[in-house]
Amino acid sequence: MEQYFIYDERLGILLPKLEKDWEDYSEAEQQAILLRWETIRGTIPDRIAELEKIISKKQDELSEESDFARSCQLNSEIAELASVINDLWIWYRLNQTISTRAHQQ
């Protein structure tokens, strides 16, 4: 099953890696892929919560920081983490539609 997914270091989750059109997979393969994706997708809110805690700690550190260069670094790190969260929500919502349609078949 892992042949259909690849670990995304930035997002910290497995993402679908489909090498052919969805219709070219057998129904059994489609169902197995969707089942695995639903398991992965279910971890996204927890991953987001982890990142939000890191952001909160960095914001606390930023509020105490007096060194300009370090403040800029912290702002950059916070922005990158926020970008990751945004991308995770996109994956979560985008594939919710796909999963819902698949379950209706």
PDB file of N, CA and C in Angstrom:
ATOM      1  N   MET A   1       0.825  -1.192   0.000  1.00  0.00           N
ATOM      2  CA  MET A   1       0.000   0.000   0.000  1.00  0.00           C
ATOM      3  C   MET A   1       0.873   1.262   0.000  1.00  0.00           C
ATOM      4  N   GLU A   2       2.018   1.168   0.614  1.00  0.00           N
ATOM      5  CA  GLU A   2       2.880   2.353   0.704  1.00  0.00           C
ATOM      6  C   GLU A   2       3.388   2.815  -0.663  1.00  0.00           C
ATOM      7  N   GLN A   3       3.255   1.963  -1.683  1.00  0.00           N
ATOM      8  CA  GLN A   3       3.674   2.371  -3.025  1.00  0.00           C
ATOM      9  C   GLN A   3       2.791   3.496  -3.558  1.00  0.00           C
ATOM     10  N   TYR A   4       1.625   3.677  -2.976  1.00  0.00           N
ATOM     11  CA  TYR A   4       0.694   4.702  -3.419  1.00  0.00           C
ATOM     12  C   TYR A   4       0.826   6.002  -2.620  1.00  0.00           C
ATOM     13  N   PHE A   5       1.767   6.030  -1.700  1.00  0.00           N
ATOM     14  CA  PHE A   5       1.945   7.198  -0.843  1.00  0.00           C
ATOM     15  C   PHE A   5       3.421   7.512  -0.687  1.00  0.00           C
ATOM     16  N   ILE A   6       3.702   8.788  -0.449  1.00  0.00           N
ATOM     17  CA  ILE A   6       5.076   9.221  -0.224  1.00  0.00           C
ATOM     18  C   ILE A   6       5.079  10.181   0.965  1.00  0.00           C
ATOM     19  N   TYR A   7       6.096  10.045   1.808  1.00  0.00           N
ATOM     20  CA  TYR A   7       6.176  10.898   2.986  1.00  0.00           C
ATOM     21  C   TYR A   7       6.622  12.293   2.581  1.00  0.00           C
ATOM     22  N   ASP A   8       5.853  13.282   3.001  1.00  0.00           N
ATOM     23  CA  ASP A   8       6.196  14.680   2.761  1.00  0.00           C
ATOM     24  C   ASP A   8       6.843  15.228   4.028  1.00  0.00           C
ATOM     25  N   GLU A   9       8.127  15.458   3.941  1.00  0.00           N
ATOM     26  CA  GLU A   9       8.903  15.915   5.101  1.00  0.00           C
ATOM     27  C   GLU A   9       8.354  17.227   5.663  1.00  0.00           C
ATOM     28  N   ARG A  10       8.017  18.147   4.776  1.00  0.00           N
ATOM     29  CA  ARG A  10       7.541  19.463   5.207  1.00  0.00           C
ATOM     30  C   ARG A  10       6.219  19.365   5.967  1.00  0.00           C
ATOM     31  N   LEU A  11       5.294  18.586   5.448  1.00  0.00           N
ATOM     32  CA  LEU A  11       3.985  18.471   6.080  1.00  0.00           C
ATOM     33  C   LEU A  11       3.963  17.460   7.217  1.00  0.00           C
ATOM     34  N   GLY A  12       4.877  16.515   7.180  1.00  0.00           N
ATOM     35  CA  GLY A  12       4.948  15.518   8.241  1.00  0.00           C
ATOM     36  C   GLY A  12       3.914  14.417   8.120  1.00  0.00           C
ATOM     37  N   ILE A  13       3.403  14.199   6.914  1.00  0.00           N
ATOM     38  CA  ILE A  13       2.420  13.135   6.681  1.00  0.00           C
ATOM     39  C   ILE A  13       2.708  12.463   5.338  1.00  0.00           C
ATOM     40  N   LEU A  14       2.083  11.311   5.146  1.00  0.00           N
ATOM     41  CA  LEU A  14       2.119  10.660   3.843  1.00  0.00           C
ATOM     42  C   LEU A  14       1.096  11.331   2.929  1.00  0.00           C
ATOM     43  N   LEU A  15       1.484  11.509   1.669  1.00  0.00           N
ATOM     44  CA  LEU A  15       0.576  12.066   0.666  1.00  0.00           C
ATOM     45  C   LEU A  15       0.400  11.072  -0.465  1.00  0.00           C
ATOM     46  N   PRO A  16      -0.755  11.121  -1.121  1.00  0.00           N
ATOM     47  CA  PRO A  16      -0.971  10.218  -2.258  1.00  0.00           C
ATOM     48  C   PRO A  16       0.068  10.453  -3.357  1.00  0.00           C
ATOM     49  N   LYS A  17       0.541   9.352  -3.919  1.00  0.00           N
ATOM     50  CA  LYS A  17       1.486   9.400  -5.045  1.00  0.00           C
ATOM     51  C   LYS A  17       0.959   8.425  -6.087  1.00  0.00           C
ATOM     52  N   LEU A  18      -0.004   8.892  -6.831  1.00  0.00           N
ATOM     53  CA  LEU A  18      -0.646   8.032  -7.827  1.00  0.00           C
ATOM     54  C   LEU A  18       0.057   8.243  -9.159  1.00  0.00           C
ATOM     55  N   GLU A  19       0.486   7.157  -9.750  1.00  0.00           N
ATOM     56  CA  GLU A  19       1.281   7.234 -10.971  1.00  0.00           C
ATOM     57  C   GLU A  19       0.464   7.056 -12.239  1.00  0.00           C
ATOM     58  N   LYS A  20      -0.841   6.843 -12.073  1.00  0.00           N
ATOM     59  CA  LYS A  20      -1.708   6.753 -13.242  1.00  0.00           C
ATOM     60  C   LYS A  20      -3.045   7.382 -12.891  1.00  0.00           C
ATOM     61  N   ASP A  21      -3.892   7.556 -13.880  1.00  0.00           N
ATOM     62  CA  ASP A  21      -5.204   8.133 -13.641  1.00  0.00           C
ATOM     63  C   ASP A  21      -6.007   7.241 -12.695  1.00  0.00           C
ATOM     64  N   TRP A  22      -6.825   7.884 -11.879  1.00  0.00           N
ATOM     65  CA  TRP A  22      -7.614   7.177 -10.869  1.00  0.00           C
ATOM     66  C   TRP A  22      -8.433   6.034 -11.479  1.00  0.00           C
ATOM     67  N   GLU A  23      -9.004   6.283 -12.639  1.00  0.00           N
ATOM     68  CA  GLU A  23      -9.844   5.288 -13.294  1.00  0.00           C
ATOM     69  C   GLU A  23      -9.059   4.054 -13.738  1.00  0.00           C
ATOM     70  N   ASP A  24      -7.737   4.185 -13.850  1.00  0.00           N
ATOM     71  CA  ASP A  24      -6.904   3.065 -14.288  1.00  0.00           C
ATOM     72  C   ASP A  24      -6.569   2.092 -13.152  1.00  0.00           C
ATOM     73  N   TYR A  25      -6.913   2.460 -11.933  1.00  0.00           N
ATOM     74  CA  TYR A  25      -6.738   1.541 -10.803  1.00  0.00           C
ATOM     75  C   TYR A  25      -7.982   0.659 -10.694  1.00  0.00           C
ATOM     76  N   SER A  26      -7.774  -0.561 -10.294  1.00  0.00           N
ATOM     77  CA  SER A  26      -8.922  -1.453 -10.099  1.00  0.00           C
ATOM     78  C   SER A  26      -9.772  -0.931  -8.945  1.00  0.00           C
ATOM     79  N   GLU A  27     -10.988  -1.398  -8.887  1.00  0.00           N
ATOM     80  CA  GLU A  27     -11.875  -0.978  -7.797  1.00  0.00           C
ATOM     81  C   GLU A  27     -11.286  -1.371  -6.440  1.00  0.00           C
ATOM     82  N   ALA A  28     -10.685  -2.554  -6.370  1.00  0.00           N
ATOM     83  CA  ALA A  28     -10.054  -3.001  -5.115  1.00  0.00           C
ATOM     84  C   ALA A  28      -8.901  -2.076  -4.732  1.00  0.00           C
ATOM     85  N   GLU A  29      -8.092  -1.684  -5.716  1.00  0.00           N
ATOM     86  CA  GLU A  29      -6.989  -0.764  -5.438  1.00  0.00           C
ATOM     87  C   GLU A  29      -7.527   0.588  -4.981  1.00  0.00           C
ATOM     88  N   GLN A  30      -8.546   1.077  -5.657  1.00  0.00           N
ATOM     89  CA  GLN A  30      -9.148   2.352  -5.279  1.00  0.00           C
ATOM     90  C   GLN A  30      -9.646   2.320  -3.836  1.00  0.00           C
ATOM     91  N   GLN A  31     -10.329   1.259  -3.485  1.00  0.00           N
ATOM     92  CA  GLN A  31     -10.860   1.150  -2.127  1.00  0.00           C
ATOM     93  C   GLN A  31      -9.739   1.071  -1.088  1.00  0.00           C
ATOM     94  N   ALA A  32      -8.682   0.317  -1.406  1.00  0.00           N
ATOM     95  CA  ALA A  32      -7.546   0.204  -0.482  1.00  0.00           C
ATOM     96  C   ALA A  32      -6.842   1.546  -0.320  1.00  0.00           C
ATOM     97  N   ILE A  33      -6.666   2.251  -1.428  1.00  0.00           N
ATOM     98  CA  ILE A  33      -6.018   3.574  -1.384  1.00  0.00           C
ATOM     99  C   ILE A  33      -6.863   4.533  -0.560  1.00  0.00           C
ATOM    100  N   LEU A  34      -8.165   4.537  -0.806  1.00  0.00           N
ATOM    101  CA  LEU A  34      -9.054   5.439  -0.059  1.00  0.00           C
ATOM    102  C   LEU A  34      -9.077   5.112   1.429  1.00  0.00           C
ATOM    103  N   LEU A  35      -9.077   3.838   1.754  1.00  0.00           N
ATOM    104  CA  LEU A  35      -9.060   3.440   3.163  1.00  0.00           C
ATOM    105  C   LEU A  35      -7.785   3.921   3.845  1.00  0.00           C
ATOM    106  N   ARG A  36      -6.664   3.722   3.173  1.00  0.00           N
ATOM    107  CA  ARG A  36      -5.382   4.181   3.737  1.00  0.00           C
ATOM    108  C   ARG A  36      -5.369   5.701   3.855  1.00  0.00           C
ATOM    109  N   TRP A  37      -5.884   6.389   2.823  1.00  0.00           N
ATOM    110  CA  TRP A  37      -5.900   7.849   2.868  1.00  0.00           C
ATOM    111  C   TRP A  37      -6.770   8.351   4.022  1.00  0.00           C
ATOM    112  N   GLU A  38      -7.912   7.714   4.243  1.00  0.00           N
ATOM    113  CA  GLU A  38      -8.779   8.137   5.344  1.00  0.00           C
ATOM    114  C   GLU A  38      -8.056   8.029   6.684  1.00  0.00           C
ATOM    115  N   THR A  39      -7.248   6.992   6.847  1.00  0.00           N
ATOM    116  CA  THR A  39      -6.456   6.843   8.070  1.00  0.00           C
ATOM    117  C   THR A  39      -5.454   7.988   8.191  1.00  0.00           C
ATOM    118  N   ILE A  40      -4.748   8.265   7.102  1.00  0.00           N
ATOM    119  CA  ILE A  40      -3.764   9.358   7.098  1.00  0.00           C
ATOM    120  C   ILE A  40      -4.469  10.690   7.324  1.00  0.00           C
ATOM    121  N   ARG A  41      -5.556  10.908   6.585  1.00  0.00           N
ATOM    122  CA  ARG A  41      -6.309  12.160   6.666  1.00  0.00           C
ATOM    123  C   ARG A  41      -6.789  12.409   8.100  1.00  0.00           C
ATOM    124  N   GLY A  42      -7.131  11.349   8.797  1.00  0.00           N
ATOM    125  CA  GLY A  42      -7.587  11.478  10.176  1.00  0.00           C
ATOM    126  C   GLY A  42      -6.519  11.999  11.123  1.00  0.00           C
ATOM    127  N   THR A  43      -5.257  11.901  10.722  1.00  0.00           N
ATOM    128  CA  THR A  43      -4.168  12.404  11.575  1.00  0.00           C
ATOM    129  C   THR A  43      -3.878  13.887  11.341  1.00  0.00           C
ATOM    130  N   ILE A  44      -4.429  14.449  10.280  1.00  0.00           N
ATOM    131  CA  ILE A  44      -4.110  15.838   9.943  1.00  0.00           C
ATOM    132  C   ILE A  44      -4.499  16.825  11.043  1.00  0.00           C
ATOM    133  N   PRO A  45      -5.694  16.748  11.622  1.00  0.00           N
ATOM    134  CA  PRO A  45      -6.006  17.700  12.701  1.00  0.00           C
ATOM    135  C   PRO A  45      -5.028  17.616  13.886  1.00  0.00           C
ATOM    136  N   ASP A  46      -4.571  16.409  14.213  1.00  0.00           N
ATOM    137  CA  ASP A  46      -3.590  16.264  15.293  1.00  0.00           C
ATOM    138  C   ASP A  46      -2.252  16.897  14.907  1.00  0.00           C
ATOM    139  N   ARG A  47      -1.859  16.718  13.665  1.00  0.00           N
ATOM    140  CA  ARG A  47      -0.616  17.321  13.165  1.00  0.00           C
ATOM    141  C   ARG A  47      -0.722  18.843  13.220  1.00  0.00           C
ATOM    142  N   ILE A  48      -1.871  19.381  12.845  1.00  0.00           N
ATOM    143  CA  ILE A  48      -2.086  20.824  12.900  1.00  0.00           C
ATOM    144  C   ILE A  48      -2.001  21.317  14.343  1.00  0.00           C
ATOM    145  N   ALA A  49      -2.600  20.589  15.260  1.00  0.00           N
ATOM    146  CA  ALA A  49      -2.554  20.976  16.679  1.00  0.00           C
ATOM    147  C   ALA A  49      -1.116  21.003  17.187  1.00  0.00           C
ATOM    148  N   GLU A  50      -0.296  20.036  16.774  1.00  0.00           N
ATOM    149  CA  GLU A  50       1.123  20.024  17.154  1.00  0.00           C
ATOM    150  C   GLU A  50       1.822  21.290  16.659  1.00  0.00           C
ATOM    151  N   LEU A  51       1.573  21.627  15.418  1.00  0.00           N
ATOM    152  CA  LEU A  51       2.213  22.807  14.827  1.00  0.00           C
ATOM    153  C   LEU A  51       1.728  24.093  15.489  1.00  0.00           C
ATOM    154  N   GLU A  52       0.460  24.146  15.848  1.00  0.00           N
ATOM    155  CA  GLU A  52      -0.078  25.324  16.533  1.00  0.00           C
ATOM    156  C   GLU A  52       0.592  25.520  17.893  1.00  0.00           C
ATOM    157  N   LYS A  53       0.891  24.432  18.589  1.00  0.00           N
ATOM    158  CA  LYS A  53       1.603  24.536  19.868  1.00  0.00           C
ATOM    159  C   LYS A  53       3.004  25.092  19.662  1.00  0.00           C
ATOM    160  N   ILE A  54       3.669  24.644  18.602  1.00  0.00           N
ATOM    161  CA  ILE A  54       5.010  25.149  18.301  1.00  0.00           C
ATOM    162  C   ILE A  54       4.951  26.636  17.983  1.00  0.00           C
ATOM    163  N   ILE A  55       3.954  27.036  17.195  1.00  0.00           N
ATOM    164  CA  ILE A  55       3.783  28.449  16.867  1.00  0.00           C
ATOM    165  C   ILE A  55       3.567  29.265  18.139  1.00  0.00           C
ATOM    166  N   SER A  56       2.735  28.766  19.020  1.00  0.00           N
ATOM    167  CA  SER A  56       2.453  29.474  20.274  1.00  0.00           C
ATOM    168  C   SER A  56       3.724  29.680  21.095  1.00  0.00           C
ATOM    169  N   LYS A  57       4.555  28.652  21.173  1.00  0.00           N
ATOM    170  CA  LYS A  57       5.818  28.769  21.905  1.00  0.00           C
ATOM    171  C   LYS A  57       6.731  29.796  21.248  1.00  0.00           C
ATOM    172  N   LYS A  58       6.785  29.773  19.922  1.00  0.00           N
ATOM    173  CA  LYS A  58       7.623  30.722  19.204  1.00  0.00           C
ATOM    174  C   LYS A  58       7.094  32.151  19.368  1.00  0.00           C
ATOM    175  N   GLN A  59       5.782  32.317  19.404  1.00  0.00           N
ATOM    176  CA  GLN A  59       5.204  33.641  19.621  1.00  0.00           C
ATOM    177  C   GLN A  59       5.528  34.149  21.024  1.00  0.00           C
ATOM    178  N   ASP A  60       5.487  33.254  22.004  1.00  0.00           N
ATOM    179  CA  ASP A  60       5.874  33.632  23.366  1.00  0.00           C
ATOM    180  C   ASP A  60       7.335  34.063  23.402  1.00  0.00           C
ATOM    181  N   GLU A  61       8.168  33.295  22.730  1.00  0.00           N
ATOM    182  CA  GLU A  61       9.596  33.629  22.655  1.00  0.00           C
ATOM    183  C   GLU A  61       9.789  34.964  21.940  1.00  0.00           C
ATOM    184  N   LEU A  62       9.035  35.182  20.888  1.00  0.00           N
ATOM    185  CA  LEU A  62       9.143  36.427  20.119  1.00  0.00           C
ATOM    186  C   LEU A  62       8.765  37.636  20.961  1.00  0.00           C
ATOM    187  N   SER A  63       7.757  37.494  21.793  1.00  0.00           N
ATOM    188  CA  SER A  63       7.318  38.625  22.614  1.00  0.00           C
ATOM    189  C   SER A  63       8.373  39.039  23.642  1.00  0.00           C
ATOM    190  N   GLU A  64       9.280  38.134  23.959  1.00  0.00           N
ATOM    191  CA  GLU A  64      10.351  38.418  24.916  1.00  0.00           C
ATOM    192  C   GLU A  64      11.684  38.764  24.244  1.00  0.00           C
ATOM    193  N   GLU A  65      11.745  38.555  22.940  1.00  0.00           N
ATOM    194  CA  GLU A  65      13.010  38.701  22.217  1.00  0.00           C
ATOM    195  C   GLU A  65      13.340  40.165  21.956  1.00  0.00           C
ATOM    196  N   SER A  66      14.585  40.541  22.268  1.00  0.00           N
ATOM    197  CA  SER A  66      15.021  41.918  22.019  1.00  0.00           C
ATOM    198  C   SER A  66      16.015  42.007  20.857  1.00  0.00           C
ATOM    199  N   ASP A  67      16.565  40.875  20.466  1.00  0.00           N
ATOM    200  CA  ASP A  67      17.514  40.857  19.354  1.00  0.00           C
ATOM    201  C   ASP A  67      16.743  40.865  18.030  1.00  0.00           C
ATOM    202  N   PHE A  68      16.995  41.881  17.200  1.00  0.00           N
ATOM    203  CA  PHE A  68      16.249  42.038  15.952  1.00  0.00           C
ATOM    204  C   PHE A  68      16.437  40.851  15.019  1.00  0.00           C
ATOM    205  N   ALA A  69      17.655  40.384  14.867  1.00  0.00           N
ATOM    206  CA  ALA A  69      17.917  39.263  13.958  1.00  0.00           C
ATOM    207  C   ALA A  69      17.168  38.012  14.412  1.00  0.00           C
ATOM    208  N   ARG A  70      17.180  37.766  15.698  1.00  0.00           N
ATOM    209  CA  ARG A  70      16.462  36.599  16.231  1.00  0.00           C
ATOM    210  C   ARG A  70      14.953  36.772  16.061  1.00  0.00           C
ATOM    211  N   SER A  71      14.461  37.997  16.245  1.00  0.00           N
ATOM    212  CA  SER A  71      13.038  38.275  16.035  1.00  0.00           C
ATOM    213  C   SER A  71      12.632  37.973  14.598  1.00  0.00           C
ATOM    214  N   CYS A  72      13.473  38.385  13.663  1.00  0.00           N
ATOM    215  CA  CYS A  72      13.199  38.106  12.252  1.00  0.00           C
ATOM    216  C   CYS A  72      13.182  36.605  11.990  1.00  0.00           C
ATOM    217  N   GLN A  73      14.124  35.892  12.590  1.00  0.00           N
ATOM    218  CA  GLN A  73      14.186  34.438  12.432  1.00  0.00           C
ATOM    219  C   GLN A  73      12.930  33.780  12.986  1.00  0.00           C
ATOM    220  N   LEU A  74      12.504  34.193  14.159  1.00  0.00           N
ATOM    221  CA  LEU A  74      11.293  33.637  14.760  1.00  0.00           C
ATOM    222  C   LEU A  74      10.069  33.924  13.893  1.00  0.00           C
ATOM    223  N   ASN A  75       9.969  35.157  13.381  1.00  0.00           N
ATOM    224  CA  ASN A  75       8.857  35.500  12.487  1.00  0.00           C
ATOM    225  C   ASN A  75       8.853  34.615  11.254  1.00  0.00           C
ATOM    226  N   SER A  76      10.018  34.367  10.714  1.00  0.00           N
ATOM    227  CA  SER A  76      10.136  33.507   9.540  1.00  0.00           C
ATOM    228  C   SER A  76       9.693  32.078   9.866  1.00  0.00           C
ATOM    229  N   GLU A  77      10.122  31.562  10.994  1.00  0.00           N
ATOM    230  CA  GLU A  77       9.738  30.215  11.413  1.00  0.00           C
ATOM    231  C   GLU A  77       8.227  30.112  11.639  1.00  0.00           C
ATOM    232  N   ILE A  78       7.658  31.129  12.251  1.00  0.00           N
ATOM    233  CA  ILE A  78       6.206  31.150  12.493  1.00  0.00           C
ATOM    234  C   ILE A  78       5.457  31.177  11.163  1.00  0.00           C
ATOM    235  N   ALA A  79       5.927  31.994  10.233  1.00  0.00           N
ATOM    236  CA  ALA A  79       5.284  32.078   8.920  1.00  0.00           C
ATOM    237  C   ALA A  79       5.351  30.743   8.189  1.00  0.00           C
ATOM    238  N   GLU A  80       6.484  30.062   8.269  1.00  0.00           N
ATOM    239  CA  GLU A  80       6.623  28.762   7.609  1.00  0.00           C
ATOM    240  C   GLU A  80       5.682  27.737   8.238  1.00  0.00           C
ATOM    241  N   LEU A  81       5.596  27.717   9.555  1.00  0.00           N
ATOM    242  CA  LEU A  81       4.687  26.792  10.230  1.00  0.00           C
ATOM    243  C   LEU A  81       3.232  27.083   9.864  1.00  0.00           C
ATOM    244  N   ALA A  82       2.881  28.366   9.772  1.00  0.00           N
ATOM    245  CA  ALA A  82       1.526  28.742   9.372  1.00  0.00           C
ATOM    246  C   ALA A  82       1.248  28.286   7.943  1.00  0.00           C
ATOM    247  N   SER A  83       2.245  28.363   7.087  1.00  0.00           N
ATOM    248  CA  SER A  83       2.104  27.894   5.708  1.00  0.00           C
ATOM    249  C   SER A  83       1.869  26.384   5.666  1.00  0.00           C
ATOM    250  N   VAL A  84       2.579  25.657   6.497  1.00  0.00           N
ATOM    251  CA  VAL A  84       2.395  24.202   6.577  1.00  0.00           C
ATOM    252  C   VAL A  84       0.968  23.886   7.037  1.00  0.00           C
ATOM    253  N   ILE A  85       0.507  24.595   8.047  1.00  0.00           N
ATOM    254  CA  ILE A  85      -0.862  24.385   8.537  1.00  0.00           C
ATOM    255  C   ILE A  85      -1.867  24.642   7.419  1.00  0.00           C
ATOM    256  N   ASN A  86      -1.676  25.730   6.688  1.00  0.00           N
ATOM    257  CA  ASN A  86      -2.567  26.039   5.576  1.00  0.00           C
ATOM    258  C   ASN A  86      -2.586  24.900   4.553  1.00  0.00           C
ATOM    259  N   ASP A  87      -1.415  24.402   4.194  1.00  0.00           N
ATOM    260  CA  ASP A  87      -1.330  23.305   3.229  1.00  0.00           C
ATOM    261  C   ASP A  87      -1.992  22.033   3.758  1.00  0.00           C
ATOM    262  N   LEU A  88      -1.829  21.764   5.043  1.00  0.00           N
ATOM    263  CA  LEU A  88      -2.478  20.594   5.633  1.00  0.00           C
ATOM    264  C   LEU A  88      -3.999  20.712   5.569  1.00  0.00           C
ATOM    265  N   TRP A  89      -4.527  21.898   5.861  1.00  0.00           N
ATOM    266  CA  TRP A  89      -5.972  22.094   5.769  1.00  0.00           C
ATOM    267  C   TRP A  89      -6.448  21.923   4.332  1.00  0.00           C
ATOM    268  N   ILE A  90      -5.664  22.388   3.371  1.00  0.00           N
ATOM    269  CA  ILE A  90      -6.031  22.198   1.967  1.00  0.00           C
ATOM    270  C   ILE A  90      -6.131  20.713   1.645  1.00  0.00           C
ATOM    271  N   TRP A  91      -5.129  19.936   2.048  1.00  0.00           N
ATOM    272  CA  TRP A  91      -5.176  18.483   1.809  1.00  0.00           C
ATOM    273  C   TRP A  91      -6.370  17.857   2.513  1.00  0.00           C
ATOM    274  N   TYR A  92      -6.619  18.293   3.722  1.00  0.00           N
ATOM    275  CA  TYR A  92      -7.722  17.729   4.494  1.00  0.00           C
ATOM    276  C   TYR A  92      -9.064  17.988   3.810  1.00  0.00           C
ATOM    277  N   ARG A  93      -9.284  19.212   3.386  1.00  0.00           N
ATOM    278  CA  ARG A  93     -10.566  19.584   2.776  1.00  0.00           C
ATOM    279  C   ARG A  93     -10.694  19.095   1.344  1.00  0.00           C
ATOM    280  N   LEU A  94      -9.642  19.209   0.563  1.00  0.00           N
ATOM    281  CA  LEU A  94      -9.676  18.773  -0.828  1.00  0.00           C
ATOM    282  C   LEU A  94     -10.048  17.310  -0.917  1.00  0.00           C
ATOM    283  N   ASN A  95      -9.430  16.514  -0.136  1.00  0.00           N
ATOM    284  CA  ASN A  95      -9.645  15.078  -0.209  1.00  0.00           C
ATOM    285  C   ASN A  95     -10.891  14.632   0.542  1.00  0.00           C
ATOM    286  N   GLN A  96     -11.483  15.506   1.331  1.00  0.00           N
ATOM    287  CA  GLN A  96     -12.753  15.183   1.971  1.00  0.00           C
ATOM    288  C   GLN A  96     -13.818  15.002   0.898  1.00  0.00           C
ATOM    289  N   THR A  97     -13.777  15.842  -0.114  1.00  0.00           N
ATOM    290  CA  THR A  97     -14.724  15.738  -1.214  1.00  0.00           C
ATOM    291  C   THR A  97     -14.524  14.429  -1.963  1.00  0.00           C
ATOM    292  N   ILE A  98     -13.289  14.083  -2.232  1.00  0.00           N
ATOM    293  CA  ILE A  98     -12.982  12.838  -2.945  1.00  0.00           C
ATOM    294  C   ILE A  98     -13.452  11.636  -2.131  1.00  0.00           C
ATOM    295  N   SER A  99     -13.130  11.645  -0.849  1.00  0.00           N
ATOM    296  CA  SER A  99     -13.502  10.525   0.016  1.00  0.00           C
ATOM    297  C   SER A  99     -15.010  10.400   0.139  1.00  0.00           C
ATOM    298  N   THR A 100     -15.712  11.515   0.229  1.00  0.00           N
ATOM    299  CA  THR A 100     -17.160  11.480   0.345  1.00  0.00           C
ATOM    300  C   THR A 100     -17.775  10.871  -0.908  1.00  0.00           C
ATOM    301  N   ARG A 101     -17.281  11.283  -2.074  1.00  0.00           N
ATOM    302  CA  ARG A 101     -17.790  10.724  -3.323  1.00  0.00           C
ATOM    303  C   ARG A 101     -17.515   9.224  -3.410  1.00  0.00           C
ATOM    304  N   ALA A 102     -16.350   8.805  -2.977  1.00  0.00           N
ATOM    305  CA  ALA A 102     -15.991   7.394  -3.044  1.00  0.00           C
ATOM    306  C   ALA A 102     -16.887   6.541  -2.154  1.00  0.00           C
ATOM    307  N   HIS A 103     -17.235   7.081  -0.981  1.00  0.00           N
ATOM    308  CA  HIS A 103     -18.088   6.328  -0.071  1.00  0.00           C
ATOM    309  C   HIS A 103     -19.534   6.258  -0.560  1.00  0.00           C
ATOM    310  N   GLN A 104     -19.903   7.169  -1.448  1.00  0.00           N
ATOM    311  CA  GLN A 104     -21.272   7.176  -1.959  1.00  0.00           C
ATOM    312  C   GLN A 104     -21.469   6.194  -3.105  1.00  0.00           C
ATOM    313  N   GLN A 105     -20.391   5.646  -3.652  1.00  0.00           N
ATOM    314  CA  GLN A 105     -20.490   4.716  -4.778  1.00  0.00           C
ATOM    315  C   GLN A 105     -21.064   3.387  -4.349  1.00  0.00           C
TER     316      GLN A 105
END
